[in-house]
Protein backbone atom coordinates (compact mmCIF):
# COMPACT_ATOMS: atom_id res chain seq x y z
CA MET A 1 -5.14 131.55 202.75
CA ALA A 2 -8.54 131.04 204.19
CA ASP A 3 -10.39 132.32 201.08
CA ASN A 4 -7.93 129.56 199.00
CA LEU A 5 -8.55 126.94 201.50
CA THR A 6 -12.66 127.71 200.72
CA GLU A 7 -12.53 127.89 197.15
CA GLN A 8 -10.36 124.52 197.33
CA LEU A 9 -13.19 123.07 199.27
CA HIS A 10 -16.23 124.25 197.40
CA VAL A 11 -14.56 122.77 194.32
CA ILE A 12 -14.55 119.63 196.18
CA GLY A 13 -18.01 120.42 196.47
CA ALA A 14 -19.29 121.14 193.58
CA ALA A 15 -17.60 117.98 192.40
CA ALA A 16 -19.06 115.72 194.62
CA ARG A 17 -22.75 117.23 193.73
CA ALA A 18 -22.33 116.65 190.05
CA ALA A 19 -21.01 112.87 191.38
CA ALA A 20 -24.16 112.07 193.13
CA ARG A 21 -25.96 112.72 190.62
CA ILE A 22 -24.40 109.84 188.64
CA LEU A 23 -24.49 107.87 191.10
CA SER A 24 -28.54 108.00 192.08
CA VAL A 25 -29.39 106.75 188.68
CA THR A 26 -26.25 103.75 188.62
CA SER A 27 -27.20 100.28 188.56
CA ALA A 28 -26.80 98.15 191.72
CA GLU A 29 -24.50 96.13 189.06
CA ALA A 30 -22.09 98.75 188.27
CA LYS A 31 -21.85 99.94 191.99
CA ASN A 32 -21.12 96.35 192.89
CA THR A 33 -18.52 95.98 190.05
CA ALA A 34 -16.98 99.81 191.12
CA LEU A 35 -16.94 98.18 194.75
CA LEU A 36 -15.07 94.84 193.86
CA ALA A 37 -12.65 96.62 192.17
CA MET A 38 -11.80 99.13 194.67
CA ALA A 39 -11.31 95.85 197.20
CA ASN A 40 -8.94 94.49 194.62
CA ASN A 41 -6.96 98.04 194.06
CA LEU A 42 -6.91 98.01 197.71
CA LEU A 43 -4.68 95.17 198.10
CA GLU A 44 -2.96 96.06 195.54
CA SER A 45 -2.35 99.00 197.27
CA SER A 46 -1.47 97.52 200.42
CA ALA A 47 2.60 97.93 200.52
CA ALA A 48 1.86 101.76 199.98
CA ILE A 49 -0.50 102.11 202.30
CA LEU A 50 1.55 100.17 205.10
CA GLU A 51 3.95 102.70 204.43
CA ALA A 52 1.74 105.99 204.76
CA ASN A 53 0.60 104.13 207.70
CA THR A 54 4.27 104.12 208.79
CA LEU A 55 4.74 107.48 208.71
CA ASP A 56 1.86 108.33 210.88
CA LEU A 57 2.17 105.72 213.84
CA GLU A 58 6.00 107.72 213.98
CA ALA A 59 4.49 111.19 213.77
CA GLY A 60 2.05 109.50 216.35
CA LYS A 61 4.71 108.69 218.89
CA LYS A 62 6.96 111.68 218.88
CA ASN A 63 3.41 113.69 218.89
CA GLY A 64 2.64 111.83 222.46
CA LEU A 65 -0.25 110.35 221.14
CA SER A 66 -1.61 107.45 223.50
CA GLU A 67 -1.71 103.82 223.10
CA ALA A 68 -4.95 103.26 223.14
CA MET A 69 -5.09 106.20 220.05
CA LEU A 70 -1.63 104.74 218.32
CA ASP A 71 -4.24 101.15 218.65
CA ARG A 72 -6.64 102.94 216.77
CA LEU A 73 -4.31 104.43 214.16
CA ARG A 74 -2.58 101.06 213.02
CA LEU A 75 -2.69 99.05 210.32
CA ASP A 76 -1.25 95.80 208.87
CA GLU A 77 -1.83 93.29 206.18
CA LYS A 78 -4.59 91.77 208.48
CA SER A 79 -6.58 94.89 208.69
CA LEU A 80 -6.08 95.90 205.07
CA GLY A 81 -7.36 92.17 204.29
CA ALA A 82 -10.40 92.55 206.91
CA MET A 83 -10.93 96.47 205.07
CA ALA A 84 -11.16 94.23 201.57
CA THR A 85 -13.22 91.85 203.04
CA GLY A 86 -15.61 94.64 204.07
CA ILE A 87 -15.89 96.01 200.88
CA ARG A 88 -16.90 92.80 199.17
CA THR A 89 -19.64 91.84 201.79
CA ALA A 90 -21.12 95.50 201.05
CA ALA A 91 -20.69 94.14 197.20
CA SER A 92 -22.76 91.12 198.16
CA LEU A 93 -25.93 93.27 200.44
CA PRO A 94 -28.93 93.98 198.67
CA ASP A 95 -29.09 97.36 197.13
CA PRO A 96 -30.37 100.19 200.02
CA VAL A 97 -31.57 101.83 196.59
CA GLY A 98 -34.87 101.67 194.90
CA ARG A 99 -36.97 99.58 197.81
CA VAL A 100 -40.43 100.43 197.99
CA LEU A 101 -41.57 101.14 201.73
CA LYS A 102 -44.90 101.19 200.71
CA GLU A 103 -47.34 102.02 197.95
CA TRP A 104 -50.95 102.04 197.90
CA THR A 105 -53.62 103.52 195.79
CA LYS A 106 -56.81 106.07 196.37
CA GLU A 107 -60.02 106.40 195.57
CA ASN A 108 -59.58 108.80 192.85
CA GLY A 109 -56.78 106.54 190.96
CA LEU A 110 -54.09 108.00 192.21
CA ALA A 111 -50.95 105.08 192.78
CA PHE A 112 -48.79 106.26 195.27
CA GLN A 113 -45.15 104.71 195.77
CA LYS A 114 -43.04 105.52 199.12
CA ILE A 115 -39.56 104.27 197.44
CA SER A 116 -35.71 104.65 199.00
CA VAL A 117 -33.44 107.15 197.46
CA PRO A 118 -29.91 108.21 197.95
CA ILE A 119 -29.35 111.06 200.85
CA GLY A 120 -26.64 112.54 198.42
CA VAL A 121 -23.74 114.22 199.27
CA ILE A 122 -22.44 113.50 202.97
CA GLY A 123 -19.60 114.93 204.48
CA ILE A 124 -17.77 112.64 206.94
CA ILE A 125 -15.03 114.24 209.82
CA TYR A 126 -13.40 111.93 211.59
CA GLU A 127 -10.31 110.85 213.93
CA SER A 128 -7.70 108.42 214.46
CA ARG A 129 -9.29 105.36 212.47
CA PRO A 130 -7.71 105.22 208.89
CA ASN A 131 -10.48 102.40 208.08
CA VAL A 132 -12.73 104.98 208.58
CA THR A 133 -11.87 106.11 205.33
CA SER A 134 -12.61 103.10 203.56
CA ASP A 135 -15.89 101.99 205.70
CA ALA A 136 -17.35 105.44 204.91
CA ALA A 137 -16.60 105.60 201.71
CA VAL A 138 -17.84 102.08 200.92
CA LEU A 139 -21.17 102.34 202.28
CA CYS A 140 -21.54 105.80 201.25
CA LEU A 141 -20.69 104.68 197.44
CA LYS A 142 -23.06 101.60 197.77
CA ALA A 143 -25.42 103.24 198.89
CA GLY A 144 -25.34 106.23 195.83
CA ASN A 145 -24.64 109.08 197.40
CA ALA A 146 -20.99 110.75 197.04
CA VAL A 147 -18.87 111.72 199.67
CA ILE A 148 -16.54 113.71 201.20
CA LEU A 149 -13.88 112.80 203.55
CA ARG A 150 -12.05 114.79 206.15
CA GLY A 151 -9.74 112.70 208.81
CA GLY A 152 -7.80 113.67 211.41
CA SER A 153 -4.21 115.03 211.11
CA GLU A 154 -2.42 112.03 212.88
CA ALA A 155 -3.82 109.86 210.12
CA ILE A 156 -3.56 111.79 207.07
CA HIS A 157 -0.94 110.13 205.23
CA SER A 158 -2.56 106.63 205.61
CA ASN A 159 -5.95 108.17 204.52
CA LYS A 160 -4.57 109.58 201.29
CA ALA A 161 -3.33 106.01 200.48
CA ILE A 162 -6.46 104.88 201.14
CA ALA A 163 -8.39 107.50 199.39
CA THR A 164 -6.13 107.32 196.21
CA ALA A 165 -6.60 103.64 196.10
CA LEU A 166 -10.24 103.48 196.48
CA GLN A 167 -10.70 106.15 193.76
CA ALA A 168 -8.43 104.44 191.50
CA GLY A 169 -10.62 101.04 192.05
CA ALA A 170 -14.04 103.31 191.44
CA ALA A 171 -12.10 105.08 188.26
CA GLN A 172 -11.86 101.95 186.96
CA ALA A 173 -15.24 100.67 186.98
CA GLY A 174 -16.49 103.33 185.46
CA LEU A 175 -18.07 105.45 188.52
CA PRO A 176 -16.18 109.16 188.82
CA SER A 177 -13.49 109.30 191.29
CA THR A 178 -15.05 112.42 192.36
CA ALA A 179 -17.94 110.54 193.73
CA ILE A 180 -14.77 109.90 197.13
CA GLN A 181 -13.24 112.77 197.86
CA LEU A 182 -10.85 113.37 201.06
CA VAL A 183 -9.89 116.92 201.87
CA GLN A 184 -5.83 117.24 202.23
CA VAL A 185 -5.55 120.09 203.88
CA ILE A 186 -4.87 119.50 208.13
CA ASP A 187 -6.06 123.08 208.98
CA ARG A 188 -8.82 123.23 211.04
CA GLU A 189 -10.64 125.69 209.61
CA ALA A 190 -11.55 123.21 206.89
CA VAL A 191 -14.06 121.78 209.45
CA ARG A 192 -16.05 125.13 209.75
CA ILE A 193 -16.01 125.16 206.24
CA LEU A 194 -17.44 122.16 205.37
CA CYS A 195 -20.34 122.50 207.88
CA GLU A 196 -21.06 126.11 206.34
CA MET A 197 -21.17 124.44 202.74
CA ASP A 198 -24.89 123.47 202.81
CA GLN A 199 -25.52 124.25 199.24
CA TYR A 200 -23.33 121.09 198.08
CA LEU A 201 -24.02 118.67 201.44
CA ASP A 202 -27.07 117.26 202.87
CA CYS A 203 -25.62 115.45 205.72
CA MET A 204 -22.82 115.58 208.33
CA ILE A 205 -21.49 112.99 210.54
CA PRO A 206 -18.89 113.13 212.94
CA ARG A 207 -17.19 109.99 214.79
CA GLY A 208 -14.47 111.32 217.57
CA GLY A 209 -14.02 112.98 220.47
CA LYS A 210 -16.60 115.43 222.35
CA GLY A 211 -15.11 118.44 221.13
CA LEU A 212 -15.11 117.62 217.17
CA ILE A 213 -18.83 116.31 217.38
CA GLU A 214 -19.94 119.63 218.98
CA THR A 215 -17.41 121.93 216.71
CA VAL A 216 -19.85 120.47 213.89
CA SER A 217 -22.50 120.40 215.63
CA ARG A 218 -22.56 124.19 216.47
CA HIS A 219 -21.67 125.24 212.89
CA ALA A 220 -23.17 122.90 210.63
CA ARG A 221 -25.74 124.51 208.33
CA MET A 222 -26.85 121.03 207.32
CA PRO A 223 -28.67 117.98 209.67
CA VAL A 224 -26.14 116.19 211.44
CA ILE A 225 -26.14 112.87 212.89
CA LYS A 226 -24.05 112.59 216.03
CA HIS A 227 -21.38 109.03 217.36
CA TYR A 228 -21.41 110.61 221.28
CA ASP A 229 -19.22 108.82 223.91
CA GLY A 230 -19.25 105.12 224.55
CA ILE A 231 -20.14 105.03 228.32
CA CYS A 232 -21.26 101.48 228.37
CA ALA A 233 -22.43 99.36 231.16
CA VAL A 234 -22.20 95.78 232.24
CA TYR A 235 -25.20 94.85 235.25
CA VAL A 236 -24.99 91.81 237.06
CA ASP A 237 -27.99 90.60 238.47
CA GLN A 238 -28.50 88.51 241.32
CA ALA A 239 -29.65 85.56 239.19
CA ALA A 240 -26.73 85.74 237.17
CA ASP A 241 -24.34 83.05 235.93
CA LEU A 242 -21.37 84.18 237.95
CA SER A 243 -18.71 82.91 235.67
CA MET A 244 -20.78 84.07 232.57
CA ALA A 245 -20.55 87.31 233.97
CA ARG A 246 -16.72 87.46 234.61
CA ASP A 247 -16.29 86.44 231.14
CA ILE A 248 -18.40 88.69 229.78
CA ILE A 249 -17.06 91.85 231.39
CA LEU A 250 -13.48 90.61 230.32
CA ASN A 251 -14.50 90.87 226.78
CA ALA A 252 -16.23 93.88 227.00
CA LYS A 253 -13.19 95.86 229.04
CA CYS A 254 -10.02 93.91 227.84
CA GLN A 255 -10.23 92.69 224.08
CA ARG A 256 -10.00 96.27 223.22
CA PRO A 257 -10.86 99.25 225.29
CA GLY A 258 -10.15 101.94 223.16
CA VAL A 259 -13.46 101.41 221.29
CA CYS A 260 -16.44 103.06 221.90
CA ASN A 261 -18.22 99.89 222.64
CA ALA A 262 -15.80 98.63 225.45
CA ALA A 263 -17.33 98.41 228.85
CA GLU A 264 -17.06 101.27 231.36
CA THR A 265 -19.26 100.70 234.07
CA LEU A 266 -19.74 97.61 235.57
CA LEU A 267 -22.81 97.35 238.19
CA LEU A 268 -23.42 94.52 240.59
CA HIS A 269 -26.34 93.62 242.73
CA ARG A 270 -25.76 93.59 245.50
CA ASP A 271 -26.35 89.75 247.05
CA ILE A 272 -23.68 88.69 244.81
CA ALA A 273 -21.30 90.95 244.95
CA ALA A 274 -19.39 89.32 247.23
CA ALA A 275 -19.30 86.45 245.38
CA PHE A 276 -18.35 88.18 241.97
CA LEU A 277 -15.87 89.96 243.06
CA ASN A 278 -13.53 87.23 244.75
CA GLU A 279 -13.04 85.87 240.80
CA GLY A 280 -14.33 88.54 238.93
CA ALA A 281 -12.03 91.24 240.30
CA LYS A 282 -9.14 89.20 240.42
CA ALA A 283 -9.70 88.20 236.65
CA LEU A 284 -9.71 92.03 235.65
CA LEU A 285 -7.20 93.01 237.64
CA ASP A 286 -4.55 90.16 236.52
CA GLN A 287 -5.41 92.20 233.07
CA GLY A 288 -3.94 95.05 234.20
CA VAL A 289 -7.41 96.49 234.52
CA GLU A 290 -7.79 99.64 236.87
CA LEU A 291 -11.08 99.37 238.82
CA ARG A 292 -12.65 102.31 240.22
CA CYS A 293 -14.82 101.44 242.95
CA ASP A 294 -17.50 103.05 244.96
CA LYS A 295 -16.89 102.18 248.80
CA GLU A 296 -18.93 99.53 249.45
CA THR A 297 -17.13 97.49 246.16
CA LEU A 298 -13.96 98.48 247.91
CA ASP A 299 -14.80 97.28 251.34
CA LEU A 300 -15.77 94.22 249.64
CA ILE A 301 -12.65 93.35 247.98
CA PRO A 302 -10.60 90.50 249.22
CA GLU A 303 -7.60 91.67 251.31
CA SER A 304 -5.10 89.79 248.90
CA LEU A 305 -6.61 91.50 246.05
CA LYS A 306 -5.90 94.66 247.34
CA SER A 307 -2.30 93.76 248.91
CA ALA A 308 -1.46 92.30 245.47
CA HIS A 309 -2.64 95.06 243.02
CA PRO A 310 -2.37 98.29 245.22
CA ASP A 311 -1.78 100.61 242.35
CA LEU A 312 -5.16 98.95 240.20
CA LEU A 313 -7.56 99.77 243.56
CA LYS A 314 -8.74 103.50 243.77
CA GLU A 315 -12.06 105.06 244.86
CA ALA A 316 -14.57 106.10 242.53
CA THR A 317 -15.46 109.87 242.14
CA GLU A 318 -19.00 110.69 240.56
CA VAL A 319 -17.04 111.61 237.48
CA ASP A 320 -15.73 108.43 236.82
CA PHE A 321 -19.02 107.39 236.59
CA ARG A 322 -19.95 109.31 233.87
CA THR A 323 -15.98 108.81 231.70
CA GLU A 324 -15.77 107.19 228.41
CA PHE A 325 -12.33 105.98 229.87
CA LEU A 326 -10.93 104.31 226.70
CA SER A 327 -8.41 102.80 228.43
CA LEU A 328 -8.36 99.68 231.33
CA THR A 329 -9.92 101.40 233.58
CA LEU A 330 -13.21 100.57 235.39
CA ALA A 331 -15.77 102.29 237.51
CA VAL A 332 -17.45 99.27 239.67
CA LYS A 333 -20.74 100.15 241.82
CA ILE A 334 -23.32 97.82 243.51
CA VAL A 335 -26.80 98.68 243.13
CA GLY A 336 -29.69 96.80 244.60
CA SER A 337 -32.13 95.78 242.13
CA VAL A 338 -32.34 96.07 238.47
CA ASP A 339 -34.70 99.74 238.89
CA GLU A 340 -31.53 100.62 240.40
CA ALA A 341 -29.21 99.78 237.33
CA ILE A 342 -30.97 101.15 235.08
CA THR A 343 -31.82 104.60 236.92
CA HIS A 344 -28.26 104.22 236.81
CA ILE A 345 -27.81 104.07 233.30
CA GLU A 346 -30.06 106.62 232.31
CA SER A 347 -28.81 109.08 234.42
CA HIS A 348 -24.93 108.28 233.70
CA GLY A 349 -24.78 106.54 230.77
CA SER A 350 -24.65 107.87 226.96
CA HIS A 351 -27.47 105.70 225.40
CA HIS A 352 -24.79 103.44 223.73
CA SER A 353 -24.60 100.44 224.67
CA ASP A 354 -25.60 98.67 228.03
CA VAL A 355 -26.09 94.84 228.83
CA ILE A 356 -27.77 92.88 231.72
CA VAL A 357 -26.31 89.53 232.76
CA THR A 358 -29.29 87.41 234.36
CA ALA A 359 -30.99 83.76 234.24
CA ASP A 360 -34.10 85.99 235.20
CA GLN A 361 -35.69 86.30 232.06
CA ALA A 362 -38.86 88.78 233.27
CA THR A 363 -35.65 90.70 234.86
CA ALA A 364 -34.08 90.35 231.39
CA GLU A 365 -36.69 91.78 229.73
CA LYS A 366 -37.79 94.74 231.97
CA PHE A 367 -33.91 95.81 231.27
CA LEU A 368 -33.99 95.14 227.42
CA GLN A 369 -37.42 97.59 227.43
CA ASN A 370 -36.62 100.52 230.21
CA VAL A 371 -33.03 101.12 228.95
CA ASP A 372 -33.10 103.89 226.05
CA SER A 373 -30.09 103.23 224.92
CA ALA A 374 -28.96 102.18 220.99
CA THR A 375 -28.45 98.39 221.71
CA VAL A 376 -29.14 96.85 224.62
CA TYR A 377 -28.27 93.38 225.14
CA TRP A 378 -28.95 90.14 227.54
CA ASN A 379 -25.77 87.77 228.38
CA ALA A 380 -23.91 89.19 225.94
CA SER A 381 -20.92 91.48 225.18
CA THR A 382 -20.80 95.22 224.31
CA ARG A 383 -18.04 94.89 221.63
CA PHE A 384 -20.75 92.93 219.19
CA THR A 385 -21.97 96.59 218.85
CA ASP A 386 -20.61 96.74 214.90
CA GLY A 387 -21.93 97.09 211.79
CA GLY A 388 -20.09 93.71 211.20
CA GLU A 389 -20.92 91.88 213.94
CA PHE A 390 -25.15 92.71 213.10
CA GLY A 391 -24.37 91.33 209.55
CA PHE A 392 -24.42 94.71 208.12
CA GLY A 393 -20.80 94.75 206.57
CA CYS A 394 -18.62 97.43 207.47
CA GLU A 395 -20.27 100.69 209.01
CA ILE A 396 -20.42 104.55 209.45
CA GLY A 397 -20.14 104.35 213.34
CA ILE A 398 -23.07 103.80 216.16
CA SER A 399 -25.33 106.67 216.24
CA THR A 400 -26.39 107.87 219.54
CA ASP A 401 -28.83 109.73 218.06
CA LYS A 402 -32.67 108.75 217.61
CA LEU A 403 -33.15 110.86 214.39
CA HIS A 404 -32.52 109.79 211.61
CA ALA A 405 -30.22 106.43 212.50
CA ARG A 406 -29.56 104.87 215.80
CA GLY A 407 -27.03 102.16 216.35
CA PRO A 408 -24.76 100.40 214.12
CA MET A 409 -25.34 102.99 211.08
CA ALA A 410 -25.01 101.13 207.25
CA LEU A 411 -26.70 100.86 203.96
CA GLU A 412 -30.20 101.76 205.00
CA GLU A 413 -29.13 104.68 207.16
CA LEU A 414 -27.63 106.22 204.30
CA THR A 415 -31.02 106.57 202.47
CA SER A 416 -33.52 108.76 202.50
CA TYR A 417 -37.17 108.85 200.22
CA LYS A 418 -39.31 110.16 198.14
CA TYR A 419 -42.79 109.54 197.10
CA LEU A 420 -43.84 108.59 193.22
CA ILE A 421 -47.39 109.07 192.16
CA ARG A 422 -48.89 107.71 189.23
CA GLY A 423 -52.26 109.55 187.77
CA THR A 424 -54.53 109.55 184.72
CA GLY A 425 -54.93 113.44 184.61
CA GLN A 426 -56.16 113.75 188.06
CA VAL A 427 -56.69 117.41 189.09
CA ARG A 428 -58.35 118.56 192.70
C-alpha cells in the first residue's frame, strides 16, 4: 500500500510541477478570468458541496467531534457565498507577481531588477475547515503557484466536492486543472510522503493542531511556514474605558470561540480589576464562559455571581495560561502594570494576536512596540486577525513564524523574488 501511495503522490507532484511552470508565465488577466470561473462554478456546485458536507457532519457527530470542531466543519449557503466572494475579491486584487521590488544600475552599466515571482509548488496540510480548500487554491493560483492540498479525514467529502468545482472552473478558463490537486486518501502516511517530496514541493504549510505542525516540521525536506497556537491575550489597562473593554473581550472570546484569533487570556490591571469584574465577569458568565481565575481575581468576583454561576468559576492553574482552549473558557489574571502584562504575554502566549485596551497613548505605544506578536492591537478585538479583515481577500492562515511570512498570510506572502540583470557585454 505504501509503495502504491508513494507512486500516486509522485504522479500528483509531477503534475503540479508541470502546472506551476505554466502558471509562472500566465498573465494576470488569464488568472483572474480563471478565478471568476472558479467562483461561478463553486456556486453552481453548491448542492453537491452541501450534500457532501452533510456526510462529513454526520460522520463527525458519530465519531464524537466537539461542537467547536463541528462548527469549523459546517458549510451552508451563506458560507459558500462568502467563499465565492473571497475568490472574486482575490481576482480584483493587484497581481502579486512581476512587481519590481527594487532596481538600480551599477557604475559598470549593469542594470539590476529584483522582481516578485511565484514560489512554485506549495503543499498545504490542514484539518477540519473545508473553506481552506477554496482559500488556499485561490490564493496559490492568483500568485502563480500550483498547490497540493491534503485536508483532514473529517472533511474529506466536502474537500473533494470543493476541489472538483474549482478544478473545473480553472479548466474552463484554459488553465491546467492540475494547478489544484487534492490528495484524496486519508492515510496519515500521505503526510510523511508529501514532506519528503522536495523534488516537487517548494514549500509546506501545515494548518491545524500542534501535533500536525510538529509532524510536518519534523519530516519536511523543504521550508515549512508554521501556524501554531492562538493563545491570544486581552490586557485591560488602568486607563481603559471599561465598557469598551467589556465589549472587546466579549467579541474576542464569544463571537467564535473555536478559531485561532479568539481570546484565551484576560489580564486586568489591579487598579480597575474590581470595577471591571462587576460588569465584565457578569457579561462573560451570562454568555456561558467558564472563567479560570487566579486567586486574586476569584476573591474580587461578587458573591452574587459566584452563587449564580458556581460551575463556571474555577481557580486557574499555570497550564491554563498556556492553553488554547478553542471553547467558551477564559483564563483570567490580575497584573500590576503594563510591563507585567507584557512579560506574561511574552512568556505564556503564542505570538499570534494580543490587545491592550487603554485611553493612555503612551502606555498603548509601549505595549504595541514591546509585545512581539504577529498582530498587536490597541482598543480592538483579536478577531480582526484575518486576511479578509486586513483587506487581503481570503488567506492561507495566520503565520506565527518570522520567516518568510508573519501574520495573515495572503498573496504577497505566496511569492518569492529573483534578480534580473541586463548588461551590454560586461565581464568581471
